[in-house]
Amino acid sequence: MSDHIKFDFNNMFSFSVGKKHGIGPDELKRMSGLVKKSHEHLSGVLRSGKNRVKIGLEWARLPFQGRSSVATIQRLGNEVASKYENVISLGIGGSYLGLKAAQDALMPPYYNEFTGLRKGRPKVYFEGNNLDPDTIRVLLKNLDPKKTFVIVISKSGETTESKAAFAIVEAWLKRSVGKQYGRQIIAITDPYSGTLRKKVKLEQAKDALSFRSLPVLEGVGGRYSEFNVGLLHLAITGVDLKELLAGAAAMAKRCSSPDLFKNPAYLYAVLSYLFYKKGKPIAVVMPFSEGLKATAEWYVQLLAESLGKKYSRIIYRTKEGLESWQPDKQRIVNVGRTPVPCRGTGDLHSVQQNLAEGKNDKTVTFIKIKRFRQDVKVYGTGDFLSGRSYSQLLSLAQEATEWALVQEDRPNCAIILPRVNAFHWGELLFFFEMATAFEGELLNVNAFDQPGVEAYKQYMYYKLGKPGITKETAARIAGNPLLKKARFIF
């Protein structure tokens, strides 16, 4: 496919938004040394299979995964789709956000609501992504368990939200379906260890068709895992997995160049880094597409969890070149841009006032669609709107928003998709993934761990009495209780 997504960064330069708030040619030139060093290190790690797995960079090889494994998932998805009316997908973080983004982008709007839109495919519902009792109760009360298939996605099987949801859904299935309820479950989990993998082994020992499984691949972290854990969901809904991965592979090839002006992900990362250093830590992502709003929300996790880090990174290397990345406890940096998801045009009537006239501490990334699947024209108004198509109005609104921001010296850029389909959406996700990885190199932080997420989990585990909490963690929690003084609550 010759048509690819494009990156328009005109409005990030000083000739558009002024010297104070824009980037000048000299600033890019001064980055050449750091860019070269970062590229050489990142590309070196990517060439080493052992390093990719150990550090968490195996996601970069997902676009090139074997045809046979992809075909197996496609067949499995078709099998599920042919037998069931509903699918419940249980997962949180990358095991939810990527799947939700894919469904909203690649399925028709109102996919679950109208039979004709699904073309014989099942409805798909997401649970296990929050501890809200109302949603799961309403869902299970209104679905027929005998017509419902369940996908549970968890590397360890121990994440509280998805573990609790799975326990409830499993009991619901078992009550109605009977002993063979496990034939309506697929687990996507660690191939070797963890409580969910243990459950799979126990159930399959009793019935080989029960609790079938797919692997969370080694070296693939949750927020980078859509091209791994999300494939079955896409196959069930009828997406061509080969097209999706072909788009991701096409972007991966573009992103292998050390030349900033041939590598859109590197350029996006460098510009983002420079604006961050200029005092613009807030990254607004605004697709002008209802279907891509969830993709912006997926990007929030990708950026926030990857780059929001307390410590700088120390790299240790063995004689064989195997790397280990450790936090530099002597160097607290507290870095990372703060992502904010928005949607045009709806959010122009809420946040745009702040974007245009509030503190100039933000960059805005638009996602623009050149051609929509369908279009509609406005008639009967008898004024300037009459005969105008929705896509024309939306494109003009995006252009007008660019113009309004430029007038106030607010830097912004646009990622332009020819259309929203599996190929271009695959390109878009890989673009963001590689840009985030490269920005991590520029900041010298580990973009593939998430130690800050563990604190709340450990606190919950301690309060719930879960075994395995270390004495040090228990002592820290017990010795540092939340202070709740009655006079400050009214």
Protein backbone atom coordinates (compact mmCIF):
# COMPACT_ATOMS: atom_id res chain seq x y z
CA MET A 1 0.00 0.00 0.00
CA SER A 2 1.69 3.20 -1.19
CA ASP A 3 -0.46 5.57 0.87
CA HIS A 4 0.90 6.07 4.38
CA ILE A 5 0.19 8.29 7.34
CA LYS A 6 1.92 11.67 7.30
CA PHE A 7 3.30 13.93 10.02
CA ASP A 8 2.77 17.69 9.62
CA PHE A 9 4.94 19.62 12.09
CA ASN A 10 4.86 23.11 10.52
CA ASN A 11 3.17 24.63 13.54
CA MET A 12 5.94 23.55 15.88
CA PHE A 13 8.56 25.79 14.29
CA SER A 14 9.40 29.37 15.20
CA PHE A 15 8.24 30.64 11.80
CA SER A 16 4.69 29.66 12.87
CA VAL A 17 4.53 30.24 16.63
CA GLY A 18 7.44 32.60 17.25
CA LYS A 19 10.95 32.17 18.64
CA LYS A 20 9.89 31.98 22.29
CA HIS A 21 7.46 29.11 21.84
CA GLY A 22 8.63 27.46 18.62
CA ILE A 23 11.60 25.33 17.61
CA GLY A 24 14.33 26.82 15.45
CA PRO A 25 16.63 25.00 13.00
CA ASP A 26 19.58 25.49 15.34
CA GLU A 27 17.80 23.69 18.17
CA LEU A 28 17.29 20.65 16.00
CA LYS A 29 20.93 20.74 14.89
CA ARG A 30 22.11 20.84 18.51
CA MET A 31 20.16 17.62 19.11
CA SER A 32 22.14 15.69 16.49
CA GLY A 33 24.66 14.24 18.96
CA LEU A 34 22.02 13.01 21.41
CA VAL A 35 19.87 11.71 18.55
CA LYS A 36 22.79 9.72 17.12
CA LYS A 37 23.72 8.30 20.52
CA SER A 38 20.11 7.38 21.31
CA HIS A 39 19.56 5.78 17.89
CA GLU A 40 22.72 3.71 18.12
CA HIS A 41 21.79 2.44 21.57
CA LEU A 42 18.14 1.71 20.80
CA SER A 43 18.85 0.04 17.46
CA GLY A 44 21.60 -2.02 19.11
CA VAL A 45 19.20 -3.29 21.74
CA LEU A 46 16.60 -4.06 19.07
CA ARG A 47 19.09 -6.21 17.15
CA SER A 48 19.64 -8.45 20.19
CA GLY A 49 16.85 -10.92 20.86
CA LYS A 50 18.06 -11.51 24.41
CA ASN A 51 18.14 -7.80 25.17
CA ARG A 52 14.72 -7.22 23.62
CA VAL A 53 13.17 -9.87 25.85
CA LYS A 54 15.06 -8.92 29.01
CA ILE A 55 14.40 -5.19 28.80
CA GLY A 56 10.88 -5.32 27.34
CA LEU A 57 11.40 -4.36 23.69
CA GLU A 58 10.09 -7.50 22.02
CA TRP A 59 6.97 -5.52 21.02
CA ALA A 60 9.06 -4.00 18.21
CA ARG A 61 9.14 -7.42 16.51
CA LEU A 62 5.39 -8.06 16.76
CA PRO A 63 4.65 -6.64 13.29
CA PHE A 64 6.88 -9.38 11.87
CA GLN A 65 5.50 -12.34 13.84
CA GLY A 66 5.10 -15.65 12.05
CA ARG A 67 2.29 -16.14 9.55
CA SER A 68 1.28 -19.49 11.01
CA SER A 69 0.69 -18.11 14.50
CA VAL A 70 -1.33 -15.20 13.08
CA ALA A 71 -3.37 -17.58 10.93
CA THR A 72 -4.06 -19.75 14.00
CA ILE A 73 -5.43 -16.75 15.89
CA GLN A 74 -7.52 -15.68 12.89
CA ARG A 75 -9.05 -19.18 12.67
CA LEU A 76 -9.70 -19.24 16.42
CA GLY A 77 -11.41 -15.87 16.21
CA ASN A 78 -13.61 -17.08 13.36
CA GLU A 79 -14.53 -20.19 15.36
CA VAL A 80 -15.61 -18.13 18.39
CA ALA A 81 -17.54 -15.72 16.17
CA SER A 82 -19.45 -18.57 14.52
CA LYS A 83 -20.64 -20.07 17.81
CA TYR A 84 -21.41 -17.19 20.18
CA GLU A 85 -23.57 -14.08 20.25
CA ASN A 86 -21.53 -12.27 22.91
CA VAL A 87 -17.93 -11.98 24.02
CA ILE A 88 -16.77 -10.62 27.38
CA SER A 89 -13.16 -9.45 27.38
CA LEU A 90 -11.61 -9.16 30.84
CA GLY A 91 -8.46 -7.09 31.28
CA ILE A 92 -7.07 -3.79 32.48
CA GLY A 93 -4.39 -1.36 31.31
CA GLY A 94 -2.89 -2.51 28.04
CA SER A 95 -5.11 -5.59 28.17
CA TYR A 96 -8.12 -3.29 27.87
CA LEU A 97 -7.15 0.09 26.42
CA GLY A 98 -5.61 -1.30 23.23
CA LEU A 99 -8.61 -3.56 22.59
CA LYS A 100 -11.12 -0.77 23.24
CA ALA A 101 -9.15 1.54 20.95
CA ALA A 102 -9.15 -1.11 18.22
CA GLN A 103 -12.87 -1.78 18.50
CA ASP A 104 -13.79 1.90 18.36
CA ALA A 105 -11.44 2.60 15.46
CA LEU A 106 -11.98 -0.44 13.27
CA MET A 107 -15.58 -1.41 13.99
CA PRO A 108 -18.53 0.71 12.82
CA PRO A 109 -19.97 3.15 15.36
CA TYR A 110 -22.67 1.52 17.52
CA TYR A 111 -21.19 -1.88 16.65
CA ASN A 112 -22.87 -3.63 19.60
CA GLU A 113 -26.23 -1.96 19.12
CA PHE A 114 -27.14 -2.98 15.55
CA THR A 115 -27.07 -6.52 14.18
CA GLY A 116 -26.47 -5.44 10.57
CA LEU A 117 -23.26 -3.66 11.48
CA ARG A 118 -21.70 -6.79 12.98
CA LYS A 119 -22.14 -8.96 9.88
CA GLY A 120 -22.75 -12.08 11.93
CA ARG A 121 -20.03 -11.30 14.46
CA PRO A 122 -20.64 -11.24 18.24
CA LYS A 123 -21.15 -8.24 20.45
CA VAL A 124 -18.04 -7.49 22.52
CA TYR A 125 -18.17 -6.13 26.07
CA PHE A 126 -15.22 -5.05 28.21
CA GLU A 127 -15.04 -5.72 31.93
CA GLY A 128 -12.34 -6.18 34.55
CA ASN A 129 -10.99 -2.71 33.82
CA ASN A 130 -12.46 -1.12 36.95
CA LEU A 131 -13.84 -2.16 40.31
CA ASP A 132 -17.33 -0.82 39.68
CA PRO A 133 -19.99 -3.28 40.91
CA ASP A 134 -22.77 -1.71 38.85
CA THR A 135 -21.31 -2.41 35.42
CA ILE A 136 -20.51 -6.09 35.89
CA ARG A 137 -23.84 -6.82 37.62
CA VAL A 138 -25.88 -5.20 34.86
CA LEU A 139 -23.87 -6.95 32.14
CA LEU A 140 -24.17 -10.46 33.57
CA LYS A 141 -27.84 -9.98 34.43
CA ASN A 142 -28.63 -9.20 30.80
CA LEU A 143 -26.46 -11.71 28.91
CA ASP A 144 -27.21 -15.37 28.28
CA PRO A 145 -24.19 -17.32 29.60
CA LYS A 146 -24.81 -20.18 27.17
CA LYS A 147 -24.36 -17.75 24.27
CA THR A 148 -21.36 -15.92 25.73
CA PHE A 149 -17.63 -16.51 25.28
CA VAL A 150 -15.05 -15.14 27.73
CA ILE A 151 -11.50 -13.93 27.10
CA VAL A 152 -9.43 -13.24 30.20
CA ILE A 153 -6.15 -11.38 29.68
CA SER A 154 -3.62 -11.22 32.49
CA LYS A 155 0.07 -12.02 32.43
CA SER A 156 0.23 -13.09 36.07
CA GLY A 157 -3.42 -13.69 36.84
CA GLU A 158 -3.00 -11.62 40.00
CA THR A 159 -4.08 -8.10 38.97
CA THR A 160 -6.91 -7.29 41.38
CA GLU A 161 -9.42 -5.83 38.92
CA SER A 162 -9.26 -8.56 36.28
CA LYS A 163 -8.85 -11.37 38.84
CA ALA A 164 -11.98 -10.31 40.72
CA ALA A 165 -13.99 -9.92 37.51
CA PHE A 166 -12.88 -13.32 36.24
CA ALA A 167 -13.88 -15.02 39.50
CA ILE A 168 -17.38 -13.54 39.16
CA VAL A 169 -17.73 -14.33 35.44
CA GLU A 170 -16.36 -17.87 35.86
CA ALA A 171 -18.91 -18.64 38.60
CA TRP A 172 -21.68 -17.15 36.41
CA LEU A 173 -20.71 -19.39 33.50
CA LYS A 174 -20.33 -22.47 35.66
CA ARG A 175 -23.80 -22.11 37.21
CA SER A 176 -25.56 -22.08 33.85
CA VAL A 177 -23.34 -24.09 31.52
CA GLY A 178 -22.21 -26.87 33.83
CA LYS A 179 -19.01 -28.88 33.92
CA GLN A 180 -17.91 -27.94 30.40
CA TYR A 181 -18.12 -24.19 31.03
CA GLY A 182 -14.35 -23.94 30.52
CA ARG A 183 -14.82 -24.58 26.80
CA GLN A 184 -16.23 -21.04 26.66
CA ILE A 185 -13.03 -19.49 28.03
CA ILE A 186 -9.71 -18.54 26.49
CA ALA A 187 -6.92 -17.25 28.73
CA ILE A 188 -4.20 -15.00 27.34
CA THR A 189 -1.46 -15.22 29.92
CA ASP A 190 2.19 -15.98 30.66
CA PRO A 191 3.16 -19.16 28.78
CA TYR A 192 5.03 -20.66 31.73
CA SER A 193 4.08 -19.23 35.13
CA GLY A 194 1.49 -17.36 37.17
CA THR A 195 -1.81 -18.29 38.80
CA LEU A 196 -3.79 -18.02 35.56
CA ARG A 197 -1.36 -20.32 33.74
CA LYS A 198 -1.65 -22.77 36.67
CA LYS A 199 -5.43 -22.65 36.31
CA VAL A 200 -5.15 -23.36 32.57
CA LYS A 201 -2.97 -26.42 33.19
CA LEU A 202 -5.30 -27.81 35.84
CA GLU A 203 -8.42 -27.41 33.73
CA GLN A 204 -6.84 -28.76 30.54
CA ALA A 205 -5.68 -31.84 32.42
CA LYS A 206 -9.36 -32.58 33.00
CA ASP A 207 -10.61 -31.49 29.54
CA ALA A 208 -8.28 -30.62 26.65
CA LEU A 209 -10.91 -28.32 25.10
CA SER A 210 -11.34 -26.37 28.31
CA PHE A 211 -9.46 -23.15 29.11
CA ARG A 212 -7.60 -22.93 25.82
CA SER A 213 -4.86 -20.34 25.92
CA LEU A 214 -2.67 -17.95 23.99
CA PRO A 215 0.63 -16.56 25.28
CA VAL A 216 1.51 -13.10 26.48
CA LEU A 217 4.86 -13.10 24.71
CA GLU A 218 8.07 -12.66 26.66
CA GLY A 219 9.46 -9.14 26.59
CA VAL A 220 6.10 -7.54 25.68
CA GLY A 221 4.77 -5.17 28.33
CA GLY A 222 1.06 -4.51 28.68
CA ARG A 223 0.93 -1.02 27.17
CA TYR A 224 2.93 -2.19 24.15
CA SER A 225 0.96 -5.42 23.71
CA GLU A 226 -1.96 -4.69 21.36
CA PHE A 227 -0.30 -6.56 18.47
CA ASN A 228 -0.04 -9.56 20.82
CA VAL A 229 -2.94 -9.77 23.29
CA GLY A 230 -5.36 -7.81 21.09
CA LEU A 231 -5.20 -10.04 18.02
CA LEU A 232 -7.82 -12.56 19.13
CA HIS A 233 -10.33 -9.80 19.82
CA LEU A 234 -9.74 -8.35 16.36
CA ALA A 235 -10.04 -11.76 14.73
CA ILE A 236 -13.39 -12.32 16.46
CA THR A 237 -14.71 -9.02 15.13
CA GLY A 238 -13.53 -9.86 11.60
CA VAL A 239 -10.47 -7.62 11.20
CA ASP A 240 -7.80 -8.86 8.77
CA LEU A 241 -4.80 -9.39 11.04
CA LYS A 242 -2.40 -9.49 8.11
CA GLU A 243 -3.42 -5.97 7.07
CA LEU A 244 -3.05 -4.68 10.62
CA LEU A 245 0.45 -6.09 11.01
CA ALA A 246 1.43 -5.01 7.50
CA GLY A 247 0.67 -1.42 8.51
CA ALA A 248 2.69 -1.75 11.69
CA ALA A 249 5.57 -3.33 9.74
CA ALA A 250 5.53 -0.52 7.18
CA MET A 251 5.87 2.04 9.98
CA ALA A 252 8.56 -0.05 11.69
CA LYS A 253 10.65 0.11 8.52
CA ARG A 254 10.23 3.90 8.33
CA CYS A 255 11.22 4.14 11.99
CA SER A 256 14.49 2.27 11.50
CA SER A 257 16.20 5.23 9.81
CA PRO A 258 18.58 7.40 11.88
CA ASP A 259 17.60 10.42 9.75
CA LEU A 260 15.07 12.56 11.63
CA PHE A 261 13.45 13.72 8.41
CA LYS A 262 12.90 10.15 7.25
CA ASN A 263 11.80 8.80 10.62
CA PRO A 264 8.51 10.37 11.79
CA ALA A 265 8.57 8.70 15.22
CA TYR A 266 12.07 10.00 16.01
CA LEU A 267 11.15 13.49 14.85
CA TYR A 268 7.98 13.49 16.95
CA ALA A 269 10.00 12.34 19.98
CA VAL A 270 12.70 14.97 19.48
CA LEU A 271 10.20 17.80 19.07
CA SER A 272 8.27 16.59 22.13
CA TYR A 273 11.51 16.45 24.12
CA LEU A 274 12.52 19.97 23.09
CA PHE A 275 9.12 21.41 24.00
CA TYR A 276 9.26 19.58 27.33
CA LYS A 277 12.60 21.27 28.01
CA LYS A 278 11.00 24.60 27.01
CA GLY A 279 8.47 24.23 29.82
CA LYS A 280 5.61 22.56 27.95
CA PRO A 281 4.99 19.32 29.87
CA ILE A 282 1.33 18.80 28.89
CA ALA A 283 0.71 16.74 25.76
CA VAL A 284 -2.82 17.10 24.38
CA VAL A 285 -3.82 14.45 21.83
CA MET A 286 -6.90 15.45 19.85
CA PRO A 287 -8.22 13.16 17.11
CA PHE A 288 -10.83 14.72 14.87
CA SER A 289 -12.67 11.42 14.79
CA GLU A 290 -15.13 9.88 17.23
CA GLY A 291 -13.67 6.44 16.56
CA LEU A 292 -10.13 7.47 17.52
CA LYS A 293 -10.95 8.98 20.92
CA ALA A 294 -10.18 5.64 22.60
CA THR A 295 -6.86 5.54 20.69
CA ALA A 296 -5.98 8.84 22.37
CA GLU A 297 -6.87 7.24 25.71
CA TRP A 298 -4.62 4.27 24.88
CA TYR A 299 -1.80 6.74 24.20
CA VAL A 300 -2.32 8.28 27.64
CA GLN A 301 -1.24 5.04 29.30
CA LEU A 302 1.60 4.53 26.83
CA LEU A 303 3.14 7.94 27.45
CA ALA A 304 2.37 8.36 31.16
CA GLU A 305 3.48 4.91 32.27
CA SER A 306 6.52 4.79 30.01
CA LEU A 307 8.05 8.22 30.66
CA GLY A 308 6.71 9.39 34.01
CA LYS A 309 9.72 8.30 36.05
CA LYS A 310 11.28 9.30 39.36
CA TYR A 311 14.80 8.07 38.65
CA SER A 312 17.22 8.32 35.77
CA ARG A 313 18.51 5.11 34.22
CA ILE A 314 21.81 3.29 34.72
CA ILE A 315 22.76 0.77 32.02
CA TYR A 316 24.90 -2.21 33.01
CA ARG A 317 26.42 -4.45 30.33
CA THR A 318 27.96 -7.87 30.52
CA LYS A 319 30.96 -8.83 28.40
CA GLU A 320 28.52 -10.54 26.05
CA GLY A 321 26.62 -7.28 25.58
CA LEU A 322 23.56 -8.25 27.61
CA GLU A 323 22.06 -5.14 29.19
CA SER A 324 20.36 -4.48 32.50
CA TRP A 325 18.58 -1.17 33.13
CA GLN A 326 18.37 -0.08 36.74
CA PRO A 327 17.06 3.08 38.43
CA ASP A 328 19.77 5.50 39.53
CA LYS A 329 18.71 6.01 43.15
CA GLN A 330 21.26 8.80 43.44
CA ARG A 331 19.58 10.80 40.67
CA ILE A 332 15.96 11.77 41.15
CA VAL A 333 14.66 13.42 37.98
CA ASN A 334 10.82 13.21 38.17
CA VAL A 335 10.36 13.59 34.42
CA GLY A 336 7.70 12.86 31.85
CA ARG A 337 5.08 14.75 29.89
CA THR A 338 1.46 14.60 31.09
CA PRO A 339 -0.89 13.33 28.35
CA VAL A 340 -4.45 14.64 28.00
CA PRO A 341 -6.94 12.98 25.60
CA CYS A 342 -9.44 15.18 23.76
CA ARG A 343 -11.75 14.90 20.76
CA GLY A 344 -12.55 17.33 18.01
CA THR A 345 -14.92 18.94 17.58
CA GLY A 346 -16.73 18.20 20.84
CA ASP A 347 -13.91 19.25 23.16
CA LEU A 348 -13.40 22.51 21.30
CA HIS A 349 -16.42 23.63 23.33
CA SER A 350 -14.66 22.81 26.61
CA VAL A 351 -10.85 22.75 26.68
CA GLN A 352 -10.12 24.92 23.63
CA GLN A 353 -10.50 28.11 25.67
CA ASN A 354 -7.66 26.95 27.92
CA LEU A 355 -5.56 25.69 25.01
CA ALA A 356 -5.78 29.06 23.27
CA GLU A 357 -5.62 31.49 26.20
CA GLY A 358 -4.54 29.53 29.26
CA LYS A 359 -0.95 28.95 30.31
CA ASN A 360 1.27 28.24 27.29
CA ASP A 361 2.59 24.97 28.70
CA LYS A 362 1.07 22.54 26.21
CA THR A 363 1.58 21.02 22.81
CA VAL A 364 -1.37 19.71 20.81
CA THR A 365 -1.20 16.71 18.50
CA PHE A 366 -4.14 16.49 16.12
CA ILE A 367 -5.05 13.24 14.39
CA LYS A 368 -6.73 14.08 11.11
CA ILE A 369 -8.61 11.74 8.76
CA LYS A 370 -8.54 12.51 5.03
CA ARG A 371 -11.38 10.19 4.01
CA PHE A 372 -14.09 8.74 6.23
CA ARG A 373 -15.84 5.44 5.50
CA GLN A 374 -19.11 7.29 4.97
CA ASP A 375 -20.18 10.90 4.64
CA VAL A 376 -23.36 12.90 4.99
CA LYS A 377 -24.38 16.32 3.70
CA VAL A 378 -26.35 19.04 5.43
CA TYR A 379 -29.48 20.21 3.63
CA GLY A 380 -32.43 22.40 4.46
CA THR A 381 -30.67 25.11 6.43
CA GLY A 382 -30.78 27.63 3.60
CA ASP A 383 -27.54 29.20 4.76
CA PHE A 384 -23.75 28.69 4.74
CA LEU A 385 -24.10 25.08 5.97
CA SER A 386 -26.40 23.92 3.17
CA GLY A 387 -24.75 21.38 0.86
CA ARG A 388 -21.70 21.02 3.09
CA SER A 389 -20.55 17.51 4.02
CA TYR A 390 -19.73 16.51 7.58
CA SER A 391 -16.19 15.53 6.56
CA GLN A 392 -15.70 18.95 4.98
CA LEU A 393 -16.93 20.69 8.12
CA LEU A 394 -14.75 18.50 10.36
CA SER A 395 -11.64 19.13 8.25
CA LEU A 396 -12.31 22.86 8.31
CA ALA A 397 -12.81 22.77 12.10
CA GLN A 398 -9.43 21.08 12.53
CA GLU A 399 -7.77 23.63 10.25
CA ALA A 400 -9.50 26.46 12.12
CA THR A 401 -8.27 25.07 15.45
CA GLU A 402 -4.70 24.98 14.12
CA TRP A 403 -5.05 28.59 12.96
CA ALA A 404 -6.51 29.75 16.29
CA LEU A 405 -3.66 28.12 18.22
CA VAL A 406 -1.00 29.54 15.92
CA GLN A 407 -2.42 33.05 16.42
CA GLU A 408 -1.69 32.64 20.13
CA ASP A 409 1.78 31.07 19.58
CA ARG A 410 0.61 27.64 20.72
CA PRO A 411 2.68 24.81 19.14
CA ASN A 412 0.76 22.00 17.51
CA CYS A 413 1.19 19.29 14.91
CA ALA A 414 -0.96 16.84 12.97
CA ILE A 415 -0.78 13.14 12.20
CA ILE A 416 -2.74 12.59 8.99
CA LEU A 417 -4.35 9.22 8.25
CA PRO A 418 -5.52 8.61 4.66
CA ARG A 419 -8.44 6.67 6.18
CA VAL A 420 -9.13 4.64 9.31
CA ASN A 421 -8.58 0.99 8.47
CA ALA A 422 -6.52 -1.89 9.83
CA PHE A 423 -3.40 -0.94 7.86
CA HIS A 424 -3.27 2.72 8.83
CA TRP A 425 -4.32 2.09 12.41
CA GLY A 426 -1.46 -0.41 12.65
CA GLU A 427 0.86 2.32 11.36
CA LEU A 428 -0.46 4.79 13.92
CA LEU A 429 0.04 2.54 16.94
CA PHE A 430 3.57 1.59 15.99
CA PHE A 431 4.40 5.27 15.35
CA PHE A 432 3.34 6.17 18.90
CA GLU A 433 5.13 3.16 20.41
CA MET A 434 8.44 3.90 18.72
CA ALA A 435 8.17 7.64 19.43
CA THR A 436 7.65 6.87 23.11
CA ALA A 437 10.57 4.44 23.21
CA PHE A 438 12.86 7.00 21.56
CA GLU A 439 11.73 9.79 23.87
CA GLY A 440 12.68 7.49 26.75
CA GLU A 441 16.18 7.26 25.28
CA LEU A 442 16.42 11.06 25.03
CA LEU A 443 15.31 11.40 28.67
CA ASN A 444 17.53 8.48 29.75
CA VAL A 445 14.76 6.68 31.63
CA ASN A 446 13.48 3.12 31.46
CA ALA A 447 10.40 3.36 29.25
CA PHE A 448 9.47 -0.29 29.81
CA ASP A 449 8.87 -0.60 33.54
CA GLN A 450 6.24 0.94 35.83
CA PRO A 451 7.44 0.91 39.45
CA GLY A 452 5.13 3.79 40.36
CA VAL A 453 2.08 1.63 39.62
CA GLU A 454 3.13 -0.99 42.16
CA ALA A 455 2.68 1.19 45.26
CA TYR A 456 -1.12 1.25 45.16
CA LYS A 457 -1.19 -2.48 44.35
CA GLN A 458 1.03 -3.33 47.32
CA TYR A 459 -1.10 -1.20 49.63
CA MET A 460 -4.25 -3.04 48.49
CA TYR A 461 -2.58 -6.44 48.82
CA TYR A 462 -1.42 -5.54 52.35
CA LYS A 463 -4.89 -4.40 53.40
CA LEU A 464 -6.49 -7.48 51.82
CA GLY A 465 -4.06 -9.80 53.58
CA LYS A 466 -2.59 -11.27 50.42
CA PRO A 467 0.37 -13.60 51.11
CA GLY A 468 3.80 -12.71 49.79
CA ILE A 469 4.07 -9.07 50.89
CA THR A 470 7.64 -8.42 51.97
CA LYS A 471 8.37 -7.37 55.56
CA GLU A 472 9.85 -4.11 54.27
CA THR A 473 6.71 -3.26 52.30
CA ALA A 474 4.43 -4.17 55.19
CA ALA A 475 6.48 -2.05 57.59
CA ARG A 476 6.45 0.91 55.22
CA ILE A 477 2.67 0.79 54.86
CA ALA A 478 2.03 0.24 58.56
CA GLY A 479 4.43 3.00 59.51
CA ASN A 480 3.03 5.58 57.11
CA PRO A 481 -0.77 5.60 57.49
CA LEU A 482 -2.98 8.10 55.71
CA LEU A 483 -3.70 11.06 57.99
CA LYS A 484 -7.44 11.67 58.18
CA LYS A 485 -8.20 14.41 60.70
CA ALA A 486 -11.92 14.87 61.36
CA ARG A 487 -11.74 18.66 61.37
CA PHE A 488 -10.57 18.61 57.76
CA ILE A 489 -13.60 16.66 56.60
CA PHE A 490 -16.87 18.58 56.46
